[in-house]
Amino acid sequence: MYGAAEQDGHVSPTGMEADTIGSFSEKSIRMAFVRKVYAILMVQLAITVGFIAVFLYVPEVKRFAAENTWLLWVAMAMTFVLLIVLACCKDFRRRWPLNIILLLLFTLCEGFLLGAVSTAYRTDDVLIAAGICAVVCLGLTIFAFQTKWDFTAMGGILFVGILILMIFGILAIFIRNKILDLVYASLGALVFSCYIVFDTQMMLGGKHKYSISPEEYIFAALNLYLDIVNLFLYILAIVGGSRR
């Protein structure tokens, strides 16, 4: 007799074996989720970089956008609407292929807006900002993977940081000062650097206090994309503002 562990020629995992298999399965699902998120994110960033390059190096495109400012307003409105849909409508962002289509449309609109914004700066400034942003994002991602500090429990602190940043931004609109603009941009870069670590650890799960469900790969990619885009814009403001 082999007991309950073996019935009908099949050995069922028990005790430590079951825990090991369960943890391995959970880890493999999480790693597949991480790979999917980064694959989507790389496509988003490639599209965005493509838009910026076209605006910077094709004068006809820059001229066309300058002569048709209504396109910027349409892209801005679509970006806002798509962001609300993706952030608030769980059914839409989980339904394939609708979620991919919505995310693609959002990325195209965002890429168009970033390309238009980049034309306000010198090409060298944009390239420097992009290089700094890439290095910072890589370093923060490695830090998020390796550190024992749990940033997922700091969501409230980061939310307060965003509120302070918004108030600071409103003041910067009415008080035009180069030093104030640089301080505001530096504060924004710091806040979204922390958000990159926060959202990366939310995606990783594991021993962190909070995590995103593996079904929310679109939401995770959207969060990281927005973090990187905002970080790039603030770094660009720092680089451009310091050289004016």
Protein backbone atom coordinates (compact mmCIF):
# COMPACT_ATOMS: atom_id res chain seq x y z
CA MET A 1 0.00 0.00 0.00
CA TYR A 2 1.34 3.45 -0.95
CA GLY A 3 -1.14 5.60 0.97
CA ALA A 4 -2.94 8.78 -0.01
CA ALA A 5 0.09 10.26 -1.77
CA GLU A 6 -0.20 7.70 -4.59
CA GLN A 7 -3.50 6.75 -6.21
CA ASP A 8 -4.20 5.15 -9.58
CA GLY A 9 -0.52 5.29 -10.51
CA HIS A 10 -0.26 9.08 -9.94
CA VAL A 11 1.87 10.57 -7.17
CA SER A 12 0.33 13.75 -5.69
CA PRO A 13 2.71 16.35 -4.24
CA THR A 14 2.27 16.82 -0.51
CA GLY A 15 3.80 18.93 2.21
CA MET A 16 7.02 20.68 1.17
CA GLU A 17 6.75 19.41 -2.42
CA ALA A 18 3.37 21.11 -2.90
CA ASP A 19 4.68 24.38 -1.45
CA THR A 20 7.72 24.27 -3.71
CA ILE A 21 5.67 23.60 -6.84
CA GLY A 22 3.16 26.29 -5.88
CA SER A 23 5.84 28.91 -5.28
CA PHE A 24 7.62 27.95 -8.49
CA SER A 25 4.37 28.27 -10.44
CA GLU A 26 3.63 31.67 -8.91
CA LYS A 27 7.17 32.88 -9.63
CA SER A 28 7.02 31.68 -13.25
CA ILE A 29 3.68 33.47 -13.76
CA ARG A 30 5.09 36.67 -12.27
CA MET A 31 8.23 36.50 -14.43
CA ALA A 32 6.12 35.95 -17.56
CA PHE A 33 4.06 38.97 -16.52
CA VAL A 34 7.22 41.09 -16.09
CA ARG A 35 8.53 40.05 -19.52
CA LYS A 36 5.19 40.93 -21.13
CA VAL A 37 5.11 44.34 -19.45
CA TYR A 38 8.63 45.23 -20.54
CA ALA A 39 7.99 44.00 -24.08
CA ILE A 40 4.97 46.30 -24.36
CA LEU A 41 6.92 49.15 -22.73
CA MET A 42 9.80 48.80 -25.21
CA VAL A 43 7.36 49.05 -28.12
CA GLN A 44 5.78 52.16 -26.57
CA LEU A 45 9.17 53.81 -26.07
CA ALA A 46 10.28 52.89 -29.60
CA ILE A 47 7.17 54.55 -31.05
CA THR A 48 7.72 57.64 -28.89
CA VAL A 49 11.39 57.94 -29.83
CA GLY A 50 10.39 57.56 -33.47
CA PHE A 51 7.96 60.48 -33.23
CA ILE A 52 10.54 62.68 -31.49
CA ALA A 53 13.18 61.85 -34.12
CA VAL A 54 10.79 62.68 -36.97
CA PHE A 55 9.88 66.04 -35.42
CA LEU A 56 13.53 66.89 -34.80
CA TYR A 57 15.03 65.82 -38.11
CA VAL A 58 12.21 66.32 -40.64
CA PRO A 59 11.53 70.07 -41.01
CA GLU A 60 8.38 69.47 -43.05
CA VAL A 61 6.76 67.62 -40.17
CA LYS A 62 7.71 70.36 -37.71
CA ARG A 63 6.30 72.98 -40.06
CA PHE A 64 3.09 71.02 -40.64
CA ALA A 65 2.50 70.66 -36.89
CA ALA A 66 3.17 74.38 -36.35
CA GLU A 67 0.68 75.31 -39.07
CA ASN A 68 -2.00 72.91 -37.82
CA THR A 69 -2.13 73.49 -34.09
CA TRP A 70 -5.58 71.90 -33.95
CA LEU A 71 -3.81 68.53 -34.24
CA LEU A 72 -2.12 69.18 -30.90
CA TRP A 73 -5.45 69.92 -29.23
CA VAL A 74 -7.01 66.78 -30.72
CA ALA A 75 -4.05 64.66 -29.61
CA MET A 76 -4.20 66.19 -26.13
CA ALA A 77 -7.94 65.52 -25.81
CA MET A 78 -7.56 61.94 -27.05
CA THR A 79 -4.66 61.35 -24.66
CA PHE A 80 -6.77 62.55 -21.73
CA VAL A 81 -9.80 60.44 -22.70
CA LEU A 82 -7.77 57.29 -23.41
CA LEU A 83 -5.89 57.68 -20.13
CA ILE A 84 -9.17 57.84 -18.19
CA VAL A 85 -10.51 54.78 -20.03
CA LEU A 86 -7.36 52.72 -19.46
CA ALA A 87 -7.00 53.79 -15.83
CA CYS A 88 -10.63 53.55 -14.74
CA CYS A 89 -12.27 50.89 -16.94
CA LYS A 90 -10.92 47.53 -15.81
CA ASP A 91 -12.96 45.58 -18.37
CA PHE A 92 -11.53 47.59 -21.28
CA ARG A 93 -7.89 47.26 -20.25
CA ARG A 94 -8.26 43.50 -19.66
CA ARG A 95 -10.14 42.69 -22.88
CA TRP A 96 -7.80 41.62 -25.68
CA PRO A 97 -7.27 43.00 -28.36
CA LEU A 98 -9.20 46.12 -27.27
CA ASN A 99 -6.65 46.86 -24.54
CA ILE A 100 -3.74 46.74 -27.01
CA ILE A 101 -5.60 48.99 -29.47
CA LEU A 102 -6.39 51.57 -26.79
CA LEU A 103 -2.82 51.53 -25.49
CA LEU A 104 -1.46 51.89 -29.03
CA LEU A 105 -3.72 54.89 -29.71
CA PHE A 106 -2.64 56.46 -26.42
CA THR A 107 1.04 55.91 -27.27
CA LEU A 108 0.61 57.43 -30.74
CA CYS A 109 -1.06 60.54 -29.30
CA GLU A 110 1.53 60.84 -26.55
CA GLY A 111 4.37 60.37 -29.04
CA PHE A 112 2.93 63.11 -31.25
CA LEU A 113 2.68 65.50 -28.28
CA LEU A 114 6.21 64.72 -27.10
CA GLY A 115 7.52 65.25 -30.61
CA ALA A 116 5.84 68.65 -30.75
CA VAL A 117 7.18 69.60 -27.30
CA SER A 118 10.71 68.56 -28.29
CA THR A 119 10.74 71.09 -31.13
CA ALA A 120 10.75 73.87 -28.52
CA TYR A 121 14.25 72.76 -27.45
CA ARG A 122 17.54 72.42 -29.26
CA THR A 123 18.28 69.01 -30.72
CA ASP A 124 21.37 68.63 -28.53
CA ASP A 125 19.30 69.29 -25.41
CA VAL A 126 16.75 66.64 -26.38
CA LEU A 127 19.47 64.06 -27.03
CA ILE A 128 21.22 64.85 -23.75
CA ALA A 129 17.94 64.61 -21.84
CA ALA A 130 17.08 61.31 -23.54
CA GLY A 131 20.50 59.88 -22.66
CA ILE A 132 20.26 61.00 -19.02
CA CYS A 133 16.71 59.63 -18.78
CA ALA A 134 17.80 56.25 -20.17
CA VAL A 135 20.69 55.94 -17.71
CA VAL A 136 18.53 57.03 -14.75
CA CYS A 137 15.74 54.59 -15.68
CA LEU A 138 18.20 51.72 -16.01
CA GLY A 139 19.77 52.51 -12.65
CA LEU A 140 16.40 52.87 -10.91
CA THR A 141 15.15 49.60 -12.41
CA ILE A 142 18.22 47.71 -11.17
CA PHE A 143 17.79 49.37 -7.77
CA ALA A 144 14.11 48.36 -7.64
CA PHE A 145 15.01 44.75 -8.46
CA GLN A 146 17.82 44.54 -5.88
CA THR A 147 16.89 46.74 -2.92
CA LYS A 148 15.27 45.36 0.23
CA TRP A 149 13.43 48.64 0.77
CA ASP A 150 9.74 48.27 0.02
CA PHE A 151 8.59 51.32 -1.94
CA THR A 152 5.10 49.85 -2.51
CA ALA A 153 4.14 50.94 1.01
CA MET A 154 4.97 54.56 0.16
CA GLY A 155 2.04 55.23 -2.15
CA GLY A 156 0.58 57.86 0.18
CA ILE A 157 3.87 59.76 0.42
CA LEU A 158 4.26 59.76 -3.37
CA PHE A 159 0.68 61.00 -3.78
CA VAL A 160 1.47 63.92 -1.47
CA GLY A 161 4.57 64.56 -3.58
CA ILE A 162 2.39 64.79 -6.70
CA LEU A 163 0.06 67.26 -4.97
CA ILE A 164 2.99 69.44 -3.92
CA LEU A 165 4.34 69.25 -7.46
CA MET A 166 0.98 70.39 -8.87
CA ILE A 167 0.81 73.36 -6.50
CA PHE A 168 4.41 74.23 -7.29
CA GLY A 169 3.61 74.06 -11.01
CA ILE A 170 0.68 76.47 -10.66
CA LEU A 171 2.93 78.93 -8.85
CA ALA A 172 5.61 78.55 -11.53
CA ILE A 173 3.05 79.57 -14.20
CA PHE A 174 2.42 82.94 -12.56
CA ILE A 175 5.89 83.54 -11.11
CA ARG A 176 8.28 83.45 -14.04
CA ASN A 177 11.74 82.83 -12.65
CA LYS A 178 14.56 80.69 -14.06
CA ILE A 179 15.67 79.37 -10.67
CA LEU A 180 12.08 78.56 -9.68
CA ASP A 181 11.58 76.67 -12.96
CA LEU A 182 14.75 74.64 -12.37
CA VAL A 183 13.70 73.81 -8.80
CA TYR A 184 10.25 72.76 -10.03
CA ALA A 185 11.75 70.56 -12.77
CA SER A 186 14.20 69.01 -10.30
CA LEU A 187 11.38 68.23 -7.86
CA GLY A 188 9.36 66.66 -10.69
CA ALA A 189 12.31 64.50 -11.76
CA LEU A 190 12.76 63.33 -8.15
CA VAL A 191 9.07 62.46 -7.69
CA PHE A 192 8.83 60.45 -10.92
CA SER A 193 12.14 58.73 -10.22
CA CYS A 194 10.54 57.45 -7.02
CA TYR A 195 7.44 56.46 -8.99
CA ILE A 196 9.56 54.34 -11.35
CA VAL A 197 10.86 52.35 -8.37
CA PHE A 198 7.37 52.19 -6.86
CA ASP A 199 5.68 50.91 -10.04
CA THR A 200 8.53 48.49 -10.79
CA GLN A 201 8.19 46.88 -7.36
CA MET A 202 4.40 46.81 -7.71
CA MET A 203 4.95 44.82 -10.89
CA LEU A 204 7.51 42.48 -9.34
CA GLY A 205 5.32 41.46 -6.41
CA GLY A 206 7.04 38.83 -4.26
CA LYS A 207 7.82 40.01 -0.73
CA HIS A 208 6.61 43.56 -1.36
CA LYS A 209 3.54 44.71 0.57
CA TYR A 210 1.48 45.50 -2.53
CA SER A 211 1.56 44.14 -6.08
CA ILE A 212 -0.33 44.32 -9.38
CA SER A 213 -2.28 41.32 -10.62
CA PRO A 214 -0.63 39.52 -13.59
CA GLU A 215 -3.84 40.24 -15.52
CA GLU A 216 -3.07 43.97 -15.35
CA TYR A 217 -0.10 43.97 -17.76
CA ILE A 218 -1.58 46.89 -19.73
CA PHE A 219 -2.01 48.94 -16.56
CA ALA A 220 1.54 48.15 -15.42
CA ALA A 221 3.03 49.09 -18.80
CA LEU A 222 0.97 52.30 -18.86
CA ASN A 223 2.21 53.31 -15.40
CA LEU A 224 5.86 52.75 -16.24
CA TYR A 225 5.51 54.50 -19.59
CA LEU A 226 3.98 57.58 -17.96
CA ASP A 227 6.70 57.60 -15.31
CA ILE A 228 9.44 57.52 -17.93
CA VAL A 229 7.76 60.14 -20.14
CA ASN A 230 7.31 62.54 -17.21
CA LEU A 231 10.87 61.96 -16.05
CA PHE A 232 12.13 62.73 -19.57
CA LEU A 233 10.10 65.96 -19.75
CA TYR A 234 11.42 67.19 -16.41
CA ILE A 235 15.00 66.31 -17.29
CA LEU A 236 14.54 68.07 -20.63
CA ALA A 237 13.27 71.15 -18.77
CA ILE A 238 16.35 71.04 -16.52
CA VAL A 239 18.78 70.66 -19.41
CA GLY A 240 17.04 73.22 -21.62
CA GLY A 241 16.49 75.69 -18.80
CA SER A 242 20.08 75.55 -17.56
CA ARG A 243 21.43 76.37 -21.04
CA ARG A 244 19.18 79.36 -21.72
